[in-house]
Structure formats: C-alpha cells, structure tokens
Protein backbone atom coordinates (compact mmCIF):
# COMPACT_ATOMS: atom_id res chain seq x y z
CA MET A 1 56.91 -39.88 42.39
CA GLY A 2 59.21 -36.53 42.76
CA SER A 3 58.79 -35.55 39.33
CA VAL A 4 55.02 -35.61 38.80
CA ILE A 5 54.57 -33.51 42.09
CA ARG A 6 56.97 -31.06 40.72
CA PHE A 7 54.91 -31.11 37.55
CA PHE A 8 51.68 -30.36 39.22
CA LEU A 9 53.01 -27.76 41.14
CA PHE A 10 54.87 -25.52 38.78
CA PHE A 11 53.07 -26.21 35.68
CA VAL A 12 49.43 -27.31 36.24
CA VAL A 13 48.50 -25.36 39.35
CA PRO A 14 49.79 -21.94 37.77
CA ILE A 15 47.87 -22.81 34.47
CA ALA A 16 44.48 -23.37 37.01
CA VAL A 17 45.22 -20.12 38.35
CA PHE A 18 45.69 -18.01 35.43
CA ILE A 19 42.47 -19.40 33.98
CA LEU A 20 40.77 -18.61 37.15
CA TRP A 21 42.09 -14.83 37.30
CA ILE A 22 41.10 -14.48 33.64
CA GLY A 23 37.36 -15.60 34.47
CA GLY A 24 37.34 -13.01 37.02
CA TYR A 25 36.62 -15.75 39.66
CA LEU A 26 39.89 -13.89 42.08
CA SER A 27 38.36 -10.29 41.80
CA PRO A 28 35.27 -8.84 43.56
CA ARG A 29 32.13 -9.41 41.97
CA VAL A 30 29.81 -6.68 40.64
CA GLU A 31 26.25 -7.55 40.80
CA PRO A 32 24.34 -6.92 37.13
CA GLY A 33 22.60 -3.39 36.78
CA TYR A 34 23.32 0.21 36.03
CA ALA A 35 26.35 1.86 37.24
CA GLU A 36 25.19 5.11 39.39
CA GLU A 37 25.82 7.74 36.75
CA GLU A 38 27.59 11.36 38.40
CA VAL A 39 25.45 14.14 37.38
CA LYS A 40 27.17 16.40 35.48
CA GLU A 41 24.70 19.61 35.96
CA VAL A 42 21.42 20.74 37.06
CA VAL A 43 19.49 22.28 33.77
CA LYS A 44 15.88 23.28 34.05
CA LEU A 45 13.82 22.42 30.47
CA PRO A 46 10.71 21.70 29.43
CA THR A 47 9.91 17.78 28.72
CA MET A 48 6.98 16.02 27.34
CA VAL A 49 5.93 12.43 27.23
CA VAL A 50 5.83 10.83 23.81
CA LYS A 51 2.67 9.71 22.80
CA PRO A 52 0.99 8.22 19.91
CA THR A 53 -0.77 10.04 17.40
CA LYS A 54 -3.65 8.89 15.27
CA ILE A 55 -2.70 10.01 11.57
CA GLU A 56 -4.97 9.60 8.72
CA GLU A 57 -3.02 7.62 6.48
CA SER A 58 -2.95 8.45 2.81
CA TYR A 59 -1.90 7.87 -0.53
CA GLN A 60 -0.57 10.38 -2.82
CA ILE A 61 0.00 10.33 -6.66
CA ASP A 62 0.82 12.90 -9.42
CA GLY A 63 -1.64 13.91 -12.19
CA SER A 64 -2.82 17.22 -14.12
CA VAL A 65 -5.71 19.42 -14.53
CA MET A 66 -7.95 18.74 -17.47
CA SER A 67 -11.10 20.27 -19.04
CA ASN A 68 -14.71 18.49 -18.85
CA ASN A 69 -15.01 18.96 -22.27
CA ASN A 70 -12.15 20.04 -25.14
CA ALA A 71 -13.05 21.42 -28.57
CA LYS A 72 -10.75 21.55 -31.61
CA VAL A 73 -11.77 24.47 -33.48
CA ALA A 74 -11.21 24.46 -36.84
CA THR A 75 -12.71 26.13 -40.07
CA LYS A 76 -14.17 24.91 -43.60
CA LEU A 77 -12.24 27.44 -45.25
CA MET A 78 -8.82 27.05 -46.86
CA ALA A 79 -7.17 30.77 -46.34
CA LYS A 80 -4.27 32.34 -45.09
CA ILE A 81 -4.70 33.21 -41.02
CA LEU A 82 -4.51 37.23 -41.31
CA LYS A 83 -5.04 37.82 -37.23
CA ILE A 84 -4.85 35.77 -34.19
CA ASN A 85 -6.72 37.46 -31.24
CA VAL A 86 -5.73 35.20 -28.66
CA LYS A 87 -3.42 33.09 -26.83
CA GLU A 88 -2.56 30.05 -24.78
CA GLY A 89 -4.36 30.26 -21.16
CA ASP A 90 -6.62 32.82 -22.03
CA TYR A 91 -10.10 33.11 -20.82
CA VAL A 92 -12.70 33.37 -23.54
CA LYS A 93 -16.45 33.90 -24.00
CA LYS A 94 -18.87 32.00 -26.46
CA GLY A 95 -19.06 33.85 -29.56
CA GLN A 96 -15.79 35.73 -29.14
CA LEU A 97 -13.45 36.14 -32.19
CA LEU A 98 -10.36 34.18 -32.11
CA ALA A 99 -8.91 34.60 -35.23
CA VAL A 100 -9.61 36.19 -38.65
CA LEU A 101 -8.85 34.21 -42.19
CA ASP A 102 -8.48 35.88 -45.72
CA ASP A 103 -11.60 36.01 -47.39
CA SER A 104 -10.88 38.27 -50.59
CA GLU A 105 -11.52 35.25 -53.11
CA ILE A 106 -15.35 34.83 -51.19
CA GLN A 107 -15.48 38.79 -51.03
CA GLN A 108 -14.86 38.54 -54.91
CA ASN A 109 -17.49 35.33 -55.41
CA ILE A 110 -19.96 37.41 -53.06
CA LYS A 111 -19.55 40.70 -55.50
CA GLU A 112 -20.15 38.32 -58.63
CA ALA A 113 -23.04 36.79 -57.54
CA LYS A 114 -24.60 39.97 -56.40
CA ALA A 115 -23.66 41.53 -59.78
CA GLY A 116 -25.22 38.48 -61.73
CA LEU A 117 -28.50 39.03 -59.50
CA GLU A 118 -28.54 42.59 -60.57
CA GLU A 119 -28.31 41.44 -64.31
CA LEU A 120 -30.91 38.87 -64.09
CA ALA A 121 -33.12 41.48 -62.15
CA LYS A 122 -32.79 43.80 -65.38
CA ALA A 123 -33.32 40.65 -67.85
CA ARG A 124 -36.54 39.76 -65.80
CA GLU A 125 -37.74 43.45 -66.10
CA GLU A 126 -37.31 43.31 -69.93
CA ALA A 127 -39.17 39.98 -69.99
CA LEU A 128 -41.72 41.27 -68.27
CA SER A 129 -42.22 44.44 -70.14
CA GLY A 130 -42.26 41.94 -73.45
CA LEU A 131 -44.45 39.60 -72.00
CA LYS A 132 -47.22 42.28 -71.32
CA GLY A 133 -46.70 43.16 -75.38
CA ALA A 134 -46.76 40.20 -76.30
CA GLU A 135 -49.97 39.08 -74.79
CA ALA A 136 -51.96 42.40 -76.08
CA ALA A 137 -50.84 41.19 -79.42
CA TYR A 138 -51.92 37.58 -78.96
CA GLN A 139 -55.25 38.81 -77.38
CA PHE A 140 -55.64 41.12 -80.49
CA ALA A 141 -54.78 38.24 -83.00
CA LYS A 142 -57.37 36.13 -81.06
CA ARG A 143 -59.99 38.20 -81.55
CA THR A 144 -59.73 38.88 -84.89
CA TYR A 145 -59.26 35.15 -85.98
CA GLU A 146 -62.74 34.75 -83.90
CA ARG A 147 -64.20 37.45 -86.07
CA PHE A 148 -62.60 36.07 -89.13
CA GLN A 149 -64.29 32.83 -88.02
CA ASN A 150 -67.73 34.15 -88.19
CA LEU A 151 -67.17 36.30 -91.39
CA TYR A 152 -65.86 33.03 -93.03
CA LYS A 153 -69.18 30.83 -91.95
CA GLU A 154 -71.31 33.90 -93.74
CA ASN A 155 -68.93 33.37 -96.82
CA ALA A 156 -67.76 37.27 -96.26
CA VAL A 157 -64.21 36.25 -95.87
CA SER A 158 -62.15 33.38 -98.17
CA LYS A 159 -60.65 30.33 -96.38
CA GLN A 160 -56.97 31.90 -97.22
CA GLN A 161 -57.77 34.93 -95.45
CA LEU A 162 -58.85 33.14 -92.20
CA GLU A 163 -55.81 30.99 -92.05
CA GLU A 164 -53.39 34.05 -92.39
CA ILE A 165 -55.39 35.56 -89.36
CA GLU A 166 -55.22 31.99 -87.72
CA THR A 167 -51.03 32.17 -88.41
CA LYS A 168 -50.60 35.73 -87.14
CA MET A 169 -52.63 34.57 -83.67
CA ILE A 170 -50.48 31.21 -83.69
CA GLY A 171 -47.53 33.51 -83.98
CA ALA A 172 -48.55 35.85 -81.40
CA LYS A 173 -49.29 32.80 -79.03
CA ALA A 174 -45.99 31.36 -79.65
CA GLN A 175 -44.15 34.71 -78.82
CA VAL A 176 -46.01 34.82 -75.12
CA ASP A 177 -44.86 31.36 -74.69
CA ALA A 178 -41.26 32.15 -75.62
CA ILE A 179 -41.11 35.15 -73.07
CA LYS A 180 -42.60 33.03 -70.29
CA ALA A 181 -39.94 30.08 -71.05
CA LYS A 182 -37.27 32.63 -71.05
CA LEU A 183 -38.83 34.10 -67.62
CA LYS A 184 -38.68 30.62 -65.98
CA GLN A 185 -35.08 30.23 -67.36
CA LEU A 186 -34.49 33.42 -65.58
CA ASP A 187 -36.29 32.00 -62.31
CA ALA A 188 -33.94 28.92 -62.35
CA LYS A 189 -30.63 31.14 -63.01
CA GLU A 190 -31.53 33.24 -60.22
CA LYS A 191 -32.13 30.19 -57.66
CA GLN A 192 -28.53 29.06 -58.80
CA VAL A 193 -27.25 32.59 -58.26
CA LYS A 194 -28.58 32.91 -54.79
CA ALA A 195 -27.63 29.38 -53.84
CA LYS A 196 -24.01 30.48 -54.87
CA LEU A 197 -24.36 33.59 -52.77
CA LYS A 198 -25.81 31.92 -49.72
CA TYR A 199 -22.88 29.58 -49.94
CA ALA A 200 -20.35 32.37 -50.34
CA GLN A 201 -22.03 34.00 -47.23
CA ILE A 202 -21.88 31.09 -45.47
CA MET A 203 -17.93 30.40 -46.40
CA GLN A 204 -17.32 34.05 -45.50
CA GLY A 205 -18.78 33.29 -41.90
CA TYR A 206 -15.87 30.61 -41.60
CA ALA A 207 -13.22 33.41 -42.11
CA TYR A 208 -14.31 34.33 -38.58
CA VAL A 209 -13.33 31.78 -36.02
CA LYS A 210 -14.86 32.15 -32.86
CA ALA A 211 -15.21 30.48 -29.52
CA PRO A 212 -17.70 27.63 -29.04
CA PHE A 213 -18.43 28.26 -25.69
CA ASP A 214 -17.07 29.79 -22.60
CA GLY A 215 -13.80 28.29 -21.76
CA VAL A 216 -9.87 28.71 -21.98
CA VAL A 217 -7.29 28.16 -24.59
CA ILE A 218 -5.72 24.97 -24.01
CA LYS A 219 -3.43 24.98 -27.38
CA LYS A 220 -2.89 27.54 -30.27
CA MET A 221 -2.02 25.08 -33.17
CA ASN A 222 -1.29 28.17 -35.89
CA ASP A 223 0.60 31.33 -36.14
CA VAL A 224 -0.41 34.36 -38.33
CA GLY A 225 0.65 33.95 -41.93
CA ASP A 226 -0.10 30.01 -41.47
CA MET A 227 -2.47 28.40 -43.84
CA ALA A 228 -5.58 27.11 -42.32
CA ALA A 229 -7.22 23.88 -43.80
CA PRO A 230 -10.90 22.45 -43.81
CA GLY A 231 -10.75 20.23 -40.87
CA MET A 232 -7.56 21.21 -39.30
CA PRO A 233 -7.61 22.26 -35.34
CA ILE A 234 -6.76 26.32 -35.54
CA PHE A 235 -7.16 26.16 -31.22
CA ILE A 236 -8.19 23.50 -28.79
CA ILE A 237 -10.44 25.22 -26.16
CA GLY A 238 -11.49 23.49 -22.86
CA ASP A 239 -14.29 24.68 -20.98
CA LYS A 240 -14.08 26.20 -17.26
CA ASN A 241 -15.61 22.82 -15.71
CA LEU A 242 -12.10 21.37 -14.77
CA LYS A 243 -11.49 17.77 -13.43
CA PHE A 244 -8.08 16.38 -11.93
CA MET A 245 -7.09 13.11 -13.51
CA SER A 246 -4.70 10.91 -11.81
CA MET A 247 -3.50 7.02 -12.23
CA VAL A 248 -4.00 5.44 -9.21
CA ASP A 249 -2.52 1.96 -8.17
CA GLU A 250 -4.49 -1.01 -8.79
CA SER A 251 -4.52 -1.97 -4.88
CA LEU A 252 -6.62 0.43 -4.06
CA ILE A 253 -9.11 0.08 -6.66
CA ASN A 254 -11.59 -1.01 -3.78
CA LYS A 255 -10.81 1.89 -1.69
CA VAL A 256 -11.51 4.67 -3.74
CA ASN A 257 -14.75 5.36 -4.81
CA VAL A 258 -17.20 7.84 -7.03
CA GLY A 259 -18.45 10.58 -4.57
CA ASP A 260 -15.21 10.23 -2.20
CA THR A 261 -13.72 13.57 -1.18
CA VAL A 262 -10.16 13.88 -1.98
CA GLU A 263 -7.47 16.65 -1.63
CA VAL A 264 -5.69 18.19 -4.84
CA HIS A 265 -2.68 20.35 -4.63
CA ILE A 266 -1.75 22.03 -7.65
CA ASP A 267 1.98 23.42 -7.37
CA THR A 268 1.66 26.23 -9.69
CA VAL A 269 -1.25 27.92 -7.91
CA GLY A 270 0.45 27.20 -4.68
CA LYS A 271 -3.34 25.88 -3.40
CA THR A 272 -5.23 22.85 -2.12
CA TYR A 273 -8.29 22.22 -3.43
CA THR A 274 -11.08 19.92 -1.84
CA ALA A 275 -12.22 18.13 -4.63
CA GLN A 276 -14.78 15.00 -5.46
CA ILE A 277 -14.36 12.23 -7.51
CA VAL A 278 -16.80 12.02 -10.22
CA GLU A 279 -15.09 8.96 -12.10
CA LYS A 280 -13.77 5.84 -11.95
CA SER A 281 -12.40 3.38 -14.18
CA ASN A 282 -13.16 -0.29 -13.44
CA SER A 283 -10.89 -1.84 -15.85
CA ILE A 284 -6.80 -1.88 -14.89
CA ASP A 285 -3.85 -0.71 -17.30
CA PRO A 286 -2.38 -3.85 -17.76
CA MET A 287 0.98 -1.65 -18.84
CA ASN A 288 1.43 0.07 -15.26
CA ARG A 289 -1.11 -1.49 -13.34
CA THR A 290 -3.25 1.79 -12.59
CA PHE A 291 -6.87 2.47 -13.16
CA THR A 292 -7.92 6.06 -14.15
CA VAL A 293 -9.73 8.79 -11.43
CA LYS A 294 -10.86 11.85 -12.20
CA ALA A 295 -11.83 14.62 -9.49
CA LYS A 296 -14.18 17.70 -10.06
CA LEU A 297 -12.37 21.06 -9.08
CA PRO A 298 -14.14 24.30 -7.67
CA GLN A 299 -13.97 26.88 -10.55
CA ASP A 300 -11.12 29.23 -10.01
CA GLU A 301 -9.65 31.47 -12.95
CA ALA A 302 -6.02 30.64 -11.52
CA LEU A 303 -6.47 27.20 -12.65
CA LYS A 304 -5.51 26.07 -16.13
CA PRO A 305 -5.95 22.81 -18.17
CA GLY A 306 -2.60 21.03 -18.36
CA MET A 307 -1.33 22.35 -14.84
CA TYR A 308 0.59 19.49 -12.81
CA GLY A 309 -0.40 18.63 -9.10
CA LYS A 310 -0.91 15.83 -6.55
CA LEU A 311 -4.05 13.85 -5.61
CA LYS A 312 -4.13 12.99 -1.98
CA ILE A 313 -6.71 10.11 -1.04
CA LYS A 314 -7.30 9.15 2.34
CA ILE A 315 -7.41 5.14 2.68
CA GLY A 316 -7.19 5.04 6.73
CA GLU A 317 -5.57 5.67 10.08
CA GLU A 318 -2.56 4.84 11.52
CA GLU A 319 -0.70 5.73 14.78
CA LYS A 320 2.80 7.53 14.39
CA ILE A 321 4.93 9.25 16.99
CA LEU A 322 5.44 12.93 16.47
CA ILE A 323 7.54 15.35 18.37
CA PRO A 324 8.28 19.04 18.25
CA LYS A 325 11.07 19.93 15.88
CA SER A 326 12.23 22.09 18.78
CA ALA A 327 13.09 18.73 20.40
CA VAL A 328 15.40 17.44 17.71
CA LEU A 329 19.28 18.12 18.18
CA LYS A 330 21.37 17.71 14.96
CA TRP A 331 24.53 15.58 15.60
CA GLY A 332 26.48 15.88 12.25
CA GLN A 333 24.23 14.06 9.99
CA LEU A 334 22.30 12.56 12.41
CA ASP A 335 19.20 13.27 14.52
CA ALA A 336 18.92 13.01 18.07
CA VAL A 337 16.88 13.66 21.33
CA PHE A 338 17.31 13.58 24.76
CA VAL A 339 15.64 10.92 26.83
CA VAL A 340 14.73 11.68 30.42
CA ASP A 341 15.24 8.72 32.77
CA LYS A 342 13.26 8.56 35.96
CA GLU A 343 15.87 10.21 37.91
CA GLY A 344 15.49 13.25 35.58
CA ILE A 345 18.99 12.61 33.94
CA ALA A 346 19.01 13.24 30.19
CA HIS A 347 20.67 10.71 27.83
CA LEU A 348 21.38 11.56 24.24
CA THR A 349 19.47 8.99 22.12
CA PHE A 350 19.89 8.93 18.32
CA VAL A 351 16.42 8.28 16.21
CA LYS A 352 15.45 8.03 12.74
CA LEU A 353 13.07 10.80 11.51
CA GLY A 354 10.28 10.80 9.05
CA ASP A 355 7.71 13.22 7.44
CA GLU A 356 7.08 16.70 8.84
CA ILE A 357 3.13 16.46 9.58
CA ASP A 358 1.33 19.40 11.00
CA GLY A 359 4.15 21.41 12.18
CA LYS A 360 5.89 18.33 13.97
CA VAL A 361 8.14 15.86 12.62
CA GLU A 362 7.53 12.01 12.53
CA VAL A 363 9.76 9.51 14.78
CA ILE A 364 10.26 6.18 12.96
CA SER A 365 12.33 4.78 15.55
CA GLY A 366 14.64 5.03 18.39
CA LEU A 367 11.54 6.27 20.74
CA LYS A 368 8.57 4.73 22.09
CA PRO A 369 5.45 5.58 23.66
CA GLY A 370 5.74 6.73 27.32
CA MET A 371 9.38 7.79 27.41
CA GLU A 372 9.90 11.46 28.46
CA ILE A 373 12.23 13.80 26.38
CA VAL A 374 13.41 17.46 26.56
CA ALA A 375 10.70 19.30 24.80
CA SER A 376 12.73 22.29 23.63
CA ASP A 377 16.15 24.41 24.39
CA VAL A 378 18.30 20.91 23.55
CA ALA A 379 21.07 22.95 22.91
CA LYS A 380 21.30 24.17 26.70
CA ALA A 381 21.24 20.11 27.51
CA CYS A 382 23.98 17.54 27.79
CA ASP A 383 24.23 13.89 28.10
CA GLY A 384 24.04 13.18 31.60
CA CYS A 385 22.52 16.25 32.69
CA LYS A 386 20.29 16.40 35.17
CA VAL A 387 17.03 18.35 33.63
CA ARG A 388 14.23 18.01 36.42
C-alpha cells in the first residue's frame, strides 16, 4: 500500500503537472486577437484606397506589313544588266525606269532591218520605173497587133507577119507580168522586214525595265553585270496599299471579324496605327492551329512591306487592380507596398506585380479592393509607422 502511494506521489503527479505546464494551463491565458503594436513614428504621407479598374482585355500577336498587290517585274529579253536605278525600300512611280539592259544586239537588228527596207524601196522604185516602160511597150505591141489583124483580114499581110507581131505582144505582156510579180515579191519581203523591225523595236523596249504601278521596291533580285533572263524577276514591287498580316489563335475565330478595328504597333517606325480587318480566313491551319487575318493600314511613307510589328485585338473587359508606380517599394528582388490599417498604421506587404498599364502597374496578388495604401513617398514610410 505504501509503495503504491509513493509511486503515485513521486511519478504520476509530477508527470501530470509537467503536462499541464506544457499545455499552458498553469500560465495566465491571453485572449485571441491582435496585440497592440507600439507606434514607431508619425509620418504624414498621401494614401489611397485600392479600387478595381475595368481594363479592356486584348490579344496581342506578331505579324508583318505586306503590300495588297505584289508584282514580279521581269523582262522578255536575255541580256546583261547595265544599270539599276533603285534600291530596296525606294518608292517608285508608274513608268519609272528601274533598270537598263544591254540592247546592242537588238540595235544591230534594227539597223539591218532599216537598211533592208531602204534596199527594198530602191528595188521597188526601179521595178515601178521598169513597169511603166514595159506597159508602154505592151500597149504599142497590142495596137500594132490589132492593126495587123485588120490588114490580115484584107490580105495585106501574111499570116507569118501577123504571128510575129502577136509574139512580140505576148512577150511585152510577159514582161509586164514579170515586173508585177517582182513587185508582189518586194511587197511580201517588205512586210517580213517590217515585222522583224517591229519585233526588234518591241524587244528593245524590254531593255528598259519600268515600274508597273506606284509602289515600293520590296526586293531587288539582281545586280549590275548579272544576266537577265526571260521570266526571271529582277524586282518585286508592292503597291502603296499596305496590310498587316497575322496568324491568330483558333480560340478567337468567333471573336475576330471583318470590319473590326484593331491596333498595329510597328517597332521600326515606333508608331501605333489604327487599322481595320479586311480579310479573315475561316479555315484553321492544322500545323499551328491558327487562322489568318489581314488589317488595312493607313498610308504612311515610313511603312515598308516586310516590317515587323504586333497586332492588338480587343476581346473583352476585365477588372484589374492598378496602383501608381510611386506606391511600390523595391525590397531586394521583391516588390512591396505599405498597407494602412484602420488605425493609420502602415504595414509592409509584399505584392506580385503584372503589366504596366497607362502609367500604372497591375497588382496580381497581395492587395484587395478596399485596402488603403501609401500612394507615394514610400521611402519615408516604415513598417509600424503611423502615416495619417
């Protein structure tokens, strides 16, 4: 019996007391709530109440400027390029001379054709002169034959004499016919030479490569000294009606339509343009799950086909928390703001920031609507300071 009492007093009771002490049951209880914080300092700083702001939700995608109409400028002439008057990016007018090709062989052909025409003209003149004499001789022989026919009827001349005169008349007629045949040959030859001359003159025109319309030189395919070949482009010219083409994600195919207004920012120019969608592909590219849109750009000589840019499409609205950049305090690699409680005490609160919008910065997490924060001069604030 005594051993049981001793065991209870010296073993069980001390353990029970220790457990009660560890659990705090033997210490004064503190009611739950915020402990009173000692105010470090009183600082007058501007504050603001955080409010949600409606922001237009947009989709941004890369793209490039392109001409509404592109022309591959080539020649039908196989010749060496002697001169190129433009470079890539130059604006050109319709009919402006872009390049000059070697047309020396064509000039020789033209010279020979013109010389041939001169020779034919002289031959024609001689033939016409001979024709007049031949026709006169034929008419004389014909009249003589008619007289001898009458004399033969009267038995004044013999049949042999009549036949001799008839033979002379037939010979004179043959001479006339031969000259007329020669004139026809000269006419045919002249047509051939004129056709060759016209063809040579047309081909000579291809030695002068000109712009087909007002536009810009997108690509120069050759240099001086290169051999131009029929059908092979020397230049690629785009007209001044420019579009911006982008590949948009398929999830937006029902949110983007022809006639919608979009924004196009061109990095090279450093400008943002208001454009209108004029073309939309209703089929999805299976390779990248996108569809094509083209937006008409305003005319600006600073814009050139091939320029890179970004297309911004408005797809809705969303609420975001925006605060001035002056309210943000850099804490090492972290961003923080001072949240002011009901007592006017500032508490350093870390936040996660997003994009900069209209000069303000988006707060993704760390703040809620209705909270009061220090709006500026955050370097003067401190954690636990009273700011109002």
